[in-house]
Protein backbone atom coordinates (compact mmCIF):
# COMPACT_ATOMS: atom_id res chain seq x y z
CA MET A 1 0.00 0.00 0.00
CA ILE A 2 2.73 2.47 0.96
CA GLU A 3 4.76 2.04 -2.22
CA ALA A 4 1.67 2.25 -4.43
CA ALA A 5 0.50 5.38 -2.61
CA ALA A 6 3.91 7.02 -2.99
CA PHE A 7 4.06 6.40 -6.74
CA ALA A 8 0.45 7.51 -7.17
CA MET A 9 1.73 10.84 -5.80
CA ALA A 10 4.76 10.99 -8.10
CA ASP A 11 3.53 13.87 -10.25
CA GLU A 12 2.35 15.82 -7.22
CA LEU A 13 5.68 15.27 -5.47
CA THR A 14 7.53 16.56 -8.51
CA GLU A 15 5.43 19.73 -8.53
CA ILE A 16 5.97 20.22 -4.79
CA ARG A 17 9.70 19.85 -5.21
CA LYS A 18 9.74 22.32 -8.09
CA ASP A 19 7.68 24.84 -6.11
CA LEU A 20 10.01 24.60 -3.12
CA HIS A 21 13.13 24.72 -5.27
CA ARG A 22 12.03 28.01 -6.82
CA ILE A 23 11.73 29.77 -3.44
CA PRO A 24 14.89 28.91 -1.46
CA GLU A 25 15.39 30.82 1.78
CA LEU A 26 18.32 31.02 4.17
CA GLY A 27 18.22 29.80 7.76
CA LYS A 28 15.77 31.52 10.12
CA ASN A 29 14.11 33.22 7.15
CA GLU A 30 12.16 30.29 5.67
CA ILE A 31 8.91 32.30 5.62
CA ARG A 32 7.52 31.43 2.18
CA THR A 33 8.77 27.86 2.57
CA SER A 34 6.96 27.53 5.88
CA GLU A 35 3.75 28.96 4.45
CA TYR A 36 3.94 26.52 1.55
CA ILE A 37 4.34 23.51 3.84
CA LYS A 38 1.47 24.67 6.04
CA SER A 39 -0.74 25.04 2.97
CA LYS A 40 0.00 21.46 1.88
CA LEU A 41 -0.65 20.07 5.35
CA SER A 42 -3.95 21.94 5.47
CA GLU A 43 -4.81 20.55 2.04
CA TYR A 44 -4.16 17.05 3.42
CA GLY A 45 -6.34 17.75 6.46
CA ILE A 46 -3.41 17.54 8.87
CA SER A 47 -3.17 19.92 11.82
CA TYR A 48 0.19 21.40 12.77
CA ARG A 49 1.89 23.83 15.09
CA VAL A 50 4.66 26.34 14.48
CA VAL A 51 7.88 25.99 16.48
CA TYR A 52 11.06 28.10 16.38
CA ASN A 53 9.66 30.86 14.16
CA THR A 54 9.31 29.00 10.86
CA GLY A 55 9.54 25.36 11.96
CA ILE A 56 6.48 23.13 11.65
CA VAL A 57 5.47 20.05 13.62
CA CYS A 58 2.55 17.76 12.90
CA VAL A 59 1.52 14.51 14.57
CA ILE A 60 -0.15 11.51 12.95
CA ARG A 61 -1.90 9.58 15.71
CA GLY A 62 -2.34 5.89 14.97
CA GLU A 63 -5.84 4.63 15.68
CA LYS A 64 -5.06 0.94 16.05
CA THR A 65 -4.40 -0.55 19.47
CA GLY A 66 -1.83 -3.23 20.16
CA ASN A 67 1.89 -3.72 19.83
CA ALA A 68 3.54 -0.73 18.14
CA GLY A 69 6.74 -2.50 17.20
CA ILE A 70 10.30 -2.14 18.43
CA VAL A 71 10.03 1.39 19.79
CA GLY A 72 7.28 0.81 22.32
CA ASN A 73 3.80 -0.51 22.94
CA GLY A 74 0.44 0.88 21.96
CA LYS A 75 -0.26 4.57 21.79
CA ASN A 76 2.75 5.50 23.91
CA ALA A 77 5.14 4.66 21.09
CA GLY A 78 6.41 7.51 18.96
CA VAL A 79 8.57 7.88 15.85
CA LEU A 80 10.00 11.21 14.66
CA LEU A 81 10.66 11.93 10.99
CA ARG A 82 12.67 15.06 10.20
CA ALA A 83 13.29 17.19 7.12
CA ASP A 84 15.40 20.36 7.05
CA MET A 85 14.09 23.47 5.27
CA ASP A 86 16.80 26.06 4.62
CA ALA A 87 18.85 26.77 1.51
CA LEU A 88 22.38 27.99 0.82
CA PRO A 89 23.83 31.35 -0.31
CA VAL A 90 24.74 29.88 -3.71
CA GLU A 91 23.93 31.28 -7.15
CA GLU A 92 22.24 28.46 -9.06
CA GLU A 93 23.81 27.17 -12.28
CA SER A 94 21.86 23.92 -12.66
CA GLY A 95 19.97 25.02 -15.76
CA GLU A 96 16.75 23.46 -14.45
CA ASP A 97 13.52 25.00 -15.75
CA PHE A 98 12.47 25.36 -12.11
CA SER A 99 15.69 27.03 -10.95
CA SER A 100 15.78 29.39 -7.99
CA GLN A 101 13.91 32.66 -8.38
CA ILE A 102 15.96 34.17 -5.54
CA ARG A 103 19.27 35.69 -6.63
CA GLY A 104 22.21 34.26 -4.72
CA CYS A 105 20.18 31.56 -2.98
CA MET A 106 19.73 27.91 -3.95
CA HIS A 107 18.60 24.58 -2.57
CA ALA A 108 22.06 23.23 -3.33
CA CYS A 109 21.92 20.74 -0.46
CA GLY A 110 18.65 19.11 -1.48
CA HIS A 111 16.52 20.27 1.42
CA ASP A 112 13.69 20.83 -1.07
CA VAL A 113 13.84 17.09 -1.76
CA HIS A 114 13.84 16.31 1.96
CA MET A 115 10.73 18.42 2.59
CA THR A 116 8.97 16.91 -0.43
CA CYS A 117 9.65 13.36 0.70
CA LEU A 118 8.41 14.10 4.20
CA LEU A 119 5.24 15.78 2.93
CA GLY A 120 4.57 12.69 0.84
CA ALA A 121 5.23 10.37 3.77
CA VAL A 122 2.98 12.40 6.06
CA LYS A 123 0.09 12.26 3.61
CA ILE A 124 0.50 8.50 3.16
CA LEU A 125 0.71 7.87 6.91
CA ASN A 126 -2.27 10.10 7.66
CA ASP A 127 -4.36 8.23 5.10
CA MET A 128 -3.43 4.90 6.73
CA ARG A 129 -3.62 6.03 10.38
CA GLY A 130 -6.35 3.47 11.05
CA GLU A 131 -3.75 0.75 10.47
CA LEU A 132 -1.05 2.29 12.69
CA CYS A 133 -0.26 1.90 16.36
CA GLY A 134 1.39 4.77 18.20
CA ASN A 135 2.26 8.22 16.91
CA ILE A 136 4.40 9.74 14.16
CA THR A 137 5.83 13.21 14.68
CA ALA A 138 6.89 14.98 11.49
CA VAL A 139 9.34 17.84 11.97
CA PHE A 140 10.07 20.41 9.27
CA GLN A 141 13.16 22.04 10.74
CA PRO A 142 14.63 25.44 9.87
CA ASN A 143 18.20 26.65 10.01
CA GLU A 144 20.18 23.44 9.64
CA GLU A 145 22.92 25.09 7.60
CA LEU A 146 23.73 27.79 10.19
CA GLU A 147 23.78 27.26 13.96
CA GLY A 148 21.03 24.66 13.78
CA GLY A 149 17.32 24.56 14.47
CA ALA A 150 17.08 21.05 15.91
CA LEU A 151 18.06 22.00 19.45
CA PRO A 152 15.59 24.90 19.78
CA MET A 153 12.81 22.64 18.54
CA ILE A 154 13.79 19.91 20.99
CA GLU A 155 13.85 22.47 23.80
CA ASP A 156 10.33 23.46 22.75
CA GLY A 157 9.17 19.90 23.41
CA VAL A 158 8.80 18.32 19.96
CA MET A 159 10.08 15.01 21.37
CA ASN A 160 7.78 14.99 24.38
CA THR A 161 4.34 15.89 23.05
CA PRO A 162 3.86 13.05 22.20
CA ARG A 163 6.87 11.11 23.46
CA VAL A 164 9.34 10.11 20.76
CA SER A 165 11.19 6.79 21.03
CA ALA A 166 13.12 6.80 17.75
CA ALA A 167 14.07 9.32 15.06
CA PHE A 168 14.88 9.10 11.34
CA ALA A 169 16.07 11.44 8.59
CA LEU A 170 17.18 11.10 5.00
CA HIS A 171 19.65 13.16 2.99
CA VAL A 172 20.10 13.31 -0.76
CA GLU A 173 23.21 11.80 -2.30
CA PRO A 174 23.72 12.84 -5.94
CA LEU A 175 26.76 10.59 -6.27
CA GLU A 176 24.50 7.54 -5.67
CA LYS A 177 22.10 6.29 -8.34
CA VAL A 178 18.35 6.70 -8.03
CA GLY A 179 16.91 3.54 -6.52
CA ASN A 180 19.78 3.02 -4.09
CA ILE A 181 20.08 4.10 -0.49
CA GLN A 182 23.15 4.31 1.71
CA VAL A 183 23.40 3.29 5.36
CA ARG A 184 26.17 3.12 7.93
CA ASP A 185 26.11 1.82 11.50
CA GLY A 186 27.75 4.05 14.10
CA ALA A 187 29.15 7.45 13.15
CA VAL A 188 27.75 8.66 9.83
CA MET A 189 28.38 12.44 10.03
CA ALA A 190 31.03 14.46 11.85
CA SER A 191 30.86 17.29 14.35
CA PRO A 192 31.39 20.39 12.14
CA ASP A 193 33.14 22.60 14.70
CA ASP A 194 35.13 25.68 13.76
CA PHE A 195 37.85 27.76 15.39
CA GLU A 196 39.47 31.18 15.26
CA ILE A 197 43.01 32.10 16.25
CA THR A 198 43.96 35.73 16.87
CA ILE A 199 47.73 36.22 16.81
CA ASN A 200 49.06 39.26 18.61
CA GLY A 201 52.56 40.22 17.45
CA VAL A 202 54.44 43.50 17.14
CA GLY A 203 53.82 45.59 14.06
CA GLY A 204 56.19 48.01 12.41
CA HIS A 205 57.95 49.11 9.25
CA GLY A 206 58.49 46.37 6.70
CA ALA A 207 62.07 47.58 6.27
CA TYR A 208 62.92 46.56 9.83
CA PRO A 209 61.49 43.05 10.39
CA GLU A 210 64.05 42.42 13.16
CA LYS A 211 62.22 45.00 15.28
CA CYS A 212 58.84 43.31 14.80
CA ILE A 213 57.11 40.06 15.58
CA ASN A 214 55.31 39.28 12.35
CA PRO A 215 51.96 37.59 13.06
CA ILE A 216 51.81 36.34 9.48
CA GLU A 217 54.98 34.34 10.05
CA VAL A 218 53.48 33.04 13.29
CA ALA A 219 50.37 31.97 11.39
CA THR A 220 52.60 30.14 8.93
CA ARG A 221 54.36 28.33 11.78
CA ILE A 222 51.02 27.28 13.28
CA ILE A 223 49.86 25.92 9.93
CA GLU A 224 53.11 24.01 9.49
CA ARG A 225 52.76 22.42 12.93
CA TYR A 226 49.12 21.55 12.33
CA LYS A 227 50.12 19.77 9.13
CA SER A 228 52.99 17.89 10.78
CA GLU A 229 51.32 17.03 14.09
CA ILE A 230 47.65 16.50 13.18
CA GLU A 231 47.10 13.88 10.53
CA ASN A 232 43.84 14.18 8.64
CA ASP A 233 42.29 10.74 9.01
CA PRO A 234 38.97 10.04 7.22
CA ASP A 235 38.07 7.55 9.95
CA LEU A 236 38.66 9.99 12.80
CA ARG A 237 39.16 13.68 12.01
CA ALA A 238 39.72 16.44 9.47
CA VAL A 239 41.28 19.86 10.07
CA SER A 240 41.51 22.67 7.51
CA ILE A 241 42.68 26.26 7.75
CA CYS A 242 40.21 28.21 5.65
CA SER A 243 41.25 31.85 6.01
CA VAL A 244 44.18 33.98 7.13
CA ASN A 245 43.66 37.74 7.33
CA ALA A 246 46.30 40.31 8.27
CA GLY A 247 47.44 43.75 7.27
CA ASN A 248 46.40 46.19 4.56
CA CYS A 249 49.67 47.93 3.71
CA ARG A 250 52.55 46.76 1.51
CA ASN A 251 55.34 48.08 3.71
CA ALA A 252 53.91 47.75 7.22
CA ILE A 253 54.02 44.55 9.25
CA PRO A 254 50.63 44.27 10.96
CA PRO A 255 50.33 43.80 14.72
CA THR A 256 47.70 41.07 14.45
CA ALA A 257 46.56 38.25 12.22
CA VAL A 258 43.37 36.20 12.38
CA MET A 259 43.11 32.60 11.21
CA THR A 260 39.95 30.53 10.92
CA GLY A 261 39.44 26.86 10.26
CA THR A 262 37.20 23.86 10.67
CA ALA A 263 37.76 20.81 12.86
CA ARG A 264 35.73 17.68 12.14
CA SER A 265 35.60 14.57 14.32
CA LEU A 266 33.51 11.42 14.60
CA ASP A 267 33.26 10.76 18.33
CA ARG A 268 33.16 12.70 21.57
CA ASP A 269 36.62 11.69 22.79
CA GLU A 270 38.30 12.62 19.52
CA ARG A 271 36.39 15.91 19.45
CA ARG A 272 37.65 16.85 22.90
CA ALA A 273 41.23 15.75 22.17
CA LEU A 274 41.28 17.62 18.86
CA GLU A 275 40.21 20.88 20.46
CA GLU A 276 42.90 20.56 23.13
CA LYS A 277 45.61 19.76 20.58
CA LEU A 278 44.70 22.63 18.25
CA ARG A 279 44.76 25.04 21.17
CA ARG A 280 48.07 23.79 22.54
CA ILE A 281 49.88 23.91 19.21
CA ALA A 282 48.67 27.44 18.43
CA GLU A 283 49.63 28.81 21.83
CA GLU A 284 53.03 27.07 21.86
CA ALA A 285 53.95 28.08 18.32
CA ALA A 286 53.07 31.70 19.00
CA ALA A 287 54.94 31.77 22.31
CA ASP A 288 58.05 30.27 20.68
CA MET A 289 58.14 33.29 18.36
CA GLY A 290 57.43 35.86 21.07
CA ALA A 291 53.79 36.35 20.09
CA ARG A 292 50.52 35.45 21.79
CA ALA A 293 47.70 33.36 20.31
CA VAL A 294 44.12 33.64 21.49
CA PHE A 295 42.34 30.42 20.51
CA ASP A 296 38.52 30.28 20.29
CA PHE A 297 36.86 26.94 19.56
CA ASN A 298 33.21 27.07 18.50
CA LYS A 299 31.39 23.79 19.10
CA LEU A 300 28.56 23.29 16.65
CA PHE A 301 26.70 19.99 16.31
CA PRO A 302 27.80 16.67 17.79
CA PRO A 303 28.60 13.84 15.36
CA VAL A 304 25.60 11.93 14.03
CA ILE A 305 25.72 8.42 15.48
CA ASN A 306 23.41 5.83 13.94
CA ASP A 307 21.89 3.14 16.12
CA LYS A 308 22.28 -0.29 14.51
CA ALA A 309 18.78 -1.42 15.47
CA MET A 310 17.30 1.68 13.85
CA ASN A 311 19.46 1.13 10.77
CA ASP A 312 18.03 -2.37 10.67
CA VAL A 313 14.57 -0.78 10.51
CA VAL A 314 15.76 1.24 7.50
CA ARG A 315 17.11 -1.93 5.88
CA ALA A 316 13.86 -3.81 6.60
CA ALA A 317 11.82 -0.98 5.07
CA ALA A 318 14.03 -1.00 1.97
CA ARG A 319 13.57 -4.75 1.53
CA LYS A 320 9.80 -4.30 1.44
CA LEU A 321 9.93 -1.69 -1.32
CA LYS A 322 10.43 -2.85 -4.91
CA CYS A 323 11.53 0.67 -5.85
CA VAL A 324 14.70 0.30 -3.78
CA ASN A 325 17.23 -1.51 -5.93
CA LYS A 326 20.16 -1.69 -3.55
CA VAL A 327 21.13 -0.89 0.04
CA VAL A 328 24.72 0.32 0.00
CA THR A 329 26.77 0.07 3.19
CA LEU A 330 29.03 3.10 3.52
CA GLU A 331 32.58 2.22 4.47
CA ARG A 332 33.35 5.66 5.87
CA ALA A 333 31.44 8.43 7.55
CA SER A 334 31.07 11.84 5.97
CA MET A 335 33.09 14.70 7.43
CA ALA A 336 30.14 17.01 6.83
CA GLY A 337 27.82 17.69 9.77
CA ASP A 338 24.10 17.77 10.48
CA ASP A 339 22.24 18.90 13.58
CA PHE A 340 20.02 15.83 13.36
CA ALA A 341 22.76 14.72 15.78
CA TYR A 342 20.79 16.31 18.63
CA PHE A 343 17.81 14.01 17.99
CA ALA A 344 20.19 11.06 17.79
CA GLU A 345 21.73 11.94 21.16
CA ILE A 346 18.34 11.59 22.84
CA VAL A 347 16.77 8.53 21.19
CA PRO A 348 18.02 5.67 18.99
CA SER A 349 18.11 7.06 15.46
CA ALA A 350 19.08 6.45 11.86
CA TYR A 351 20.22 8.91 9.20
CA PHE A 352 20.42 7.44 5.72
CA LYS A 353 21.24 8.69 2.21
CA LEU A 354 18.79 8.69 -0.70
CA GLY A 355 20.31 8.22 -4.12
CA VAL A 356 19.24 11.06 -6.45
CA GLY A 357 21.99 10.75 -9.08
CA ASN A 358 21.39 10.22 -12.78
CA GLU A 359 24.15 10.75 -15.36
CA GLU A 360 21.65 11.09 -18.20
CA ILE A 361 20.21 14.32 -16.78
CA GLY A 362 23.48 15.63 -15.35
CA ALA A 363 22.61 14.84 -11.74
CA VAL A 364 26.24 14.11 -10.94
CA TYR A 365 27.45 17.19 -9.04
CA PRO A 366 27.97 16.98 -5.28
CA ILE A 367 25.81 18.86 -2.82
CA HIS A 368 26.63 22.56 -2.26
CA ASN A 369 27.68 22.81 -5.91
CA PRO A 370 25.87 25.51 -7.96
CA LYS A 371 25.22 22.87 -10.66
CA PHE A 372 23.67 20.39 -8.21
CA LYS A 373 20.68 18.49 -9.56
CA ALA A 374 18.48 15.75 -8.14
CA ASP A 375 16.46 13.33 -10.23
CA ASN A 376 12.79 13.78 -9.39
CA ASN A 377 12.27 10.04 -9.87
CA ALA A 378 13.80 9.66 -6.40
CA LEU A 379 10.96 11.58 -4.73
CA PRO A 380 8.41 8.74 -4.40
CA ILE A 381 11.21 6.43 -3.28
CA GLY A 382 12.13 8.83 -0.48
CA ALA A 383 8.50 9.32 0.52
CA ALA A 384 7.91 5.56 0.53
CA MET A 385 11.05 4.94 2.58
CA MET A 386 10.08 7.45 5.26
CA ALA A 387 6.52 6.16 5.47
CA GLN A 388 7.60 2.50 5.49
CA ILE A 389 10.16 3.19 8.22
CA ALA A 390 7.49 4.78 10.41
CA ALA A 391 5.12 1.88 9.75
CA GLU A 392 7.86 -0.62 10.61
């Protein structure tokens, strides 16, 4: 029933995705996006509430009594399905006939696909609520790309009214073919923390470097030590220096320099150790050259850790759907981050990838690329997966 219902909606899902793709909005400003989702929920006869300014939560309450599966019994059981809403400050170059109408803004991370799949799943689940035990909470979450909207929504009680016992989310993967999904037990996404180092040296005339402490040279020393002492390991961590800013005069050594970078890690212990090591190296390298480094580490989201039992639910759902050709087991986690991690810290969860790639239509560019495309044939597959997971 679920698969048939999803493919009966295929044309509607394509139009929804096109509508959402045309009106991308940055984090905390998803006003038109929010209004669109609310209009579709109202059309489906589903009540909702607004959380965290533009976020939307709706609950499908199963009407059948009895065992509600692995996450609980009867009407106390609850599953959360999440889709993120915000876009990126990217000028679209996809060439799609439904390209962004907002200059400098694009759904280059596929959040329009995520919302479309969840809307489809919600409609399917609402139509079959008489066959479901327990409750399904659907969360349309703003602001994933910035500081994150998951935590504010959790603090507002989205996991308690009704109680949630498990959580699931999908993410597009344009480098995977349509019809395939990707899963990984354990860590699947990294903590996307960043840092800033302010180097205080002694400025002066460029003709007399011996009378100065050049913060640019200190920054170079810090970078050299990071490269020699912190090995980027795709199974543990990744560190990149992404900007160095100092001075504005050709013959004056500046007194300060500011470096920024990102530090990615896949578990709590490594995250803590990486912060300490980055701080120590920066402070030591600066002190060795007579300068002072002020190190500021900005913790963003935790790593996303998949629960094996919940991944098994994803695998079981995929086996029941003829539209899923292959379940691909990822060998390595992604060093990108996602604030779905906050849901996964509270309840057993699974975050899986939906293949949206298709060489024939040029859907081969990675996410965040201005030429990113997603094959709309993946939309009913994603909707069916989310609905089947909740039913499982």
